Amino acid sequence: VQLVESGGGLVQAGGSLRLSCVASGRTVSSYAMGWFRQAPGKEREFVARISRSSASTIYADSVKGRFTISRDNAKNTVYLQMASLKPEDTAVYYCHARIGIDYWGQGTQVTVSS
């Protein structure tokens, strides 16, 4: 399984970005998918997770109410819509899937300026 993220960039505080994660190599529609992030000098942390049917979503407290995770199983793609961005959201964002083992994308940089 290969996961490829896109959509990162530089945005001012209060702005929005939409990240995408496209999976290839196998269909991921039967698996939960998630987003993590890692800021400079910090450990990688959980951001959001979505069940295979989209019926269930979970968010870190730090992003609850501002970020929305979604998926399009027909496109083998998971999204992270980020709104009301804060400088502390600055990090490399990684897509994650656990299919027997953990799969990670290469990450996409999100930088929020104050």
Protein backbone atom coordinates (compact mmCIF):
# COMPACT_ATOMS: atom_id res chain seq x y z
CA VAL A 1 0.00 0.00 0.00
CA GLN A 2 1.27 3.43 -0.91
CA LEU A 3 -0.19 6.59 0.63
CA VAL A 4 0.45 9.95 -1.00
CA GLU A 5 -0.56 13.17 0.73
CA SER A 6 -1.05 16.53 -0.91
CA GLY A 7 -2.61 19.90 -0.20
CA GLY A 8 -0.23 21.32 2.36
CA GLY A 9 1.17 24.81 2.17
CA LEU A 10 1.58 28.17 3.85
CA VAL A 11 -1.54 29.84 5.22
CA GLN A 12 -2.28 32.70 7.59
CA ALA A 13 -3.83 32.07 10.97
CA GLY A 14 -7.57 31.71 10.63
CA GLY A 15 -7.27 30.28 7.15
CA SER A 16 -8.18 26.89 5.74
CA LEU A 17 -6.53 24.04 3.90
CA ARG A 18 -7.71 20.70 2.59
CA LEU A 19 -5.35 17.77 2.67
CA SER A 20 -5.81 14.69 0.50
CA CYS A 21 -4.38 11.20 0.84
CA VAL A 22 -4.60 8.87 -2.14
CA ALA A 23 -4.00 5.19 -1.55
CA SER A 24 -2.70 2.83 -4.20
CA GLY A 25 -1.67 -0.77 -4.31
CA ARG A 26 -4.89 -2.05 -2.78
CA THR A 27 -8.34 -0.86 -1.87
CA VAL A 28 -8.49 0.74 1.56
CA SER A 29 -12.26 0.95 1.75
CA SER A 30 -12.34 -1.90 4.27
CA TYR A 31 -10.05 -0.15 6.72
CA ALA A 32 -10.12 2.79 9.05
CA MET A 33 -7.85 5.62 7.99
CA GLY A 34 -6.27 8.42 9.94
CA TRP A 35 -4.20 11.56 10.01
CA PHE A 36 -1.26 12.28 12.30
CA ARG A 37 1.07 15.26 12.51
CA GLN A 38 4.56 15.98 13.72
CA ALA A 39 5.80 19.43 14.64
CA PRO A 40 9.52 20.25 14.81
CA GLY A 41 11.09 18.81 17.94
CA LYS A 42 7.91 16.99 18.93
CA GLU A 43 6.64 13.45 18.66
CA ARG A 44 4.13 12.43 16.04
CA GLU A 45 0.60 12.87 17.36
CA PHE A 46 -2.85 11.67 16.43
CA VAL A 47 -5.13 14.14 14.65
CA ALA A 48 -8.19 12.31 13.35
CA ARG A 49 -9.52 8.90 12.37
CA ILE A 50 -12.42 7.74 10.23
CA SER A 51 -14.05 4.32 10.10
CA ARG A 52 -14.26 2.36 6.86
CA SER A 53 -17.89 3.37 6.28
CA SER A 54 -17.44 6.96 7.50
CA ALA A 55 -19.98 6.24 10.21
CA SER A 56 -17.51 7.02 12.97
CA THR A 57 -14.93 9.77 13.33
CA ILE A 58 -12.58 10.62 16.18
CA TYR A 59 -10.58 13.80 16.68
CA ALA A 60 -7.83 15.01 18.95
CA ASP A 61 -9.12 17.59 21.39
CA SER A 62 -6.78 20.16 19.90
CA VAL A 63 -8.52 20.06 16.51
CA LYS A 64 -12.08 19.16 17.46
CA GLY A 65 -14.56 21.57 15.91
CA ARG A 66 -11.99 22.92 13.43
CA PHE A 67 -10.92 19.87 11.41
CA THR A 68 -13.09 17.41 9.52
CA ILE A 69 -11.97 14.04 8.24
CA SER A 70 -13.81 12.40 5.37
CA ARG A 71 -13.24 9.75 2.74
CA ASP A 72 -14.30 8.78 -0.74
CA ASN A 73 -13.92 5.02 -1.02
CA ALA A 74 -14.63 5.10 -4.75
CA LYS A 75 -11.50 7.23 -5.13
CA ASN A 76 -9.50 5.40 -2.45
CA THR A 77 -8.95 8.83 -0.90
CA VAL A 78 -9.12 10.34 2.57
CA TYR A 79 -9.39 14.07 3.22
CA LEU A 80 -8.67 16.40 6.10
CA GLN A 81 -10.46 19.72 5.91
CA MET A 82 -8.75 22.16 8.25
CA ALA A 83 -10.34 25.46 9.22
CA SER A 84 -9.56 28.23 11.71
CA LEU A 85 -5.93 27.24 11.51
CA LYS A 86 -3.57 28.30 14.28
CA PRO A 87 0.22 28.65 14.32
CA GLU A 88 0.36 25.62 16.61
CA ASP A 89 -1.13 23.54 13.80
CA THR A 90 2.16 23.93 11.93
CA ALA A 91 3.52 20.44 11.29
CA VAL A 92 4.09 17.75 8.74
CA TYR A 93 0.81 15.90 8.30
CA TYR A 94 0.85 12.16 7.63
CA CYS A 95 -1.81 9.83 6.35
CA HIS A 96 -2.03 6.48 8.14
CA ALA A 97 -3.57 3.08 7.53
CA ARG A 98 -3.24 -0.09 9.56
CA ILE A 99 -3.60 -3.07 7.26
CA GLY A 100 -1.84 -5.78 9.16
CA ILE A 101 1.03 -3.36 9.62
CA ASP A 102 1.18 0.42 9.78
CA TYR A 103 1.42 2.29 6.50
CA TRP A 104 2.43 5.96 6.34
CA GLY A 105 2.61 8.51 3.61
CA GLN A 106 5.62 10.76 3.05
CA GLY A 107 3.87 13.69 4.69
CA THR A 108 2.82 17.15 3.58
CA GLN A 109 4.00 20.34 5.26
CA VAL A 110 1.44 22.72 6.74
CA THR A 111 2.73 26.07 7.94
CA VAL A 112 0.44 28.56 9.65
CA SER A 113 1.76 32.08 10.05
CA SER A 114 0.59 34.41 12.78
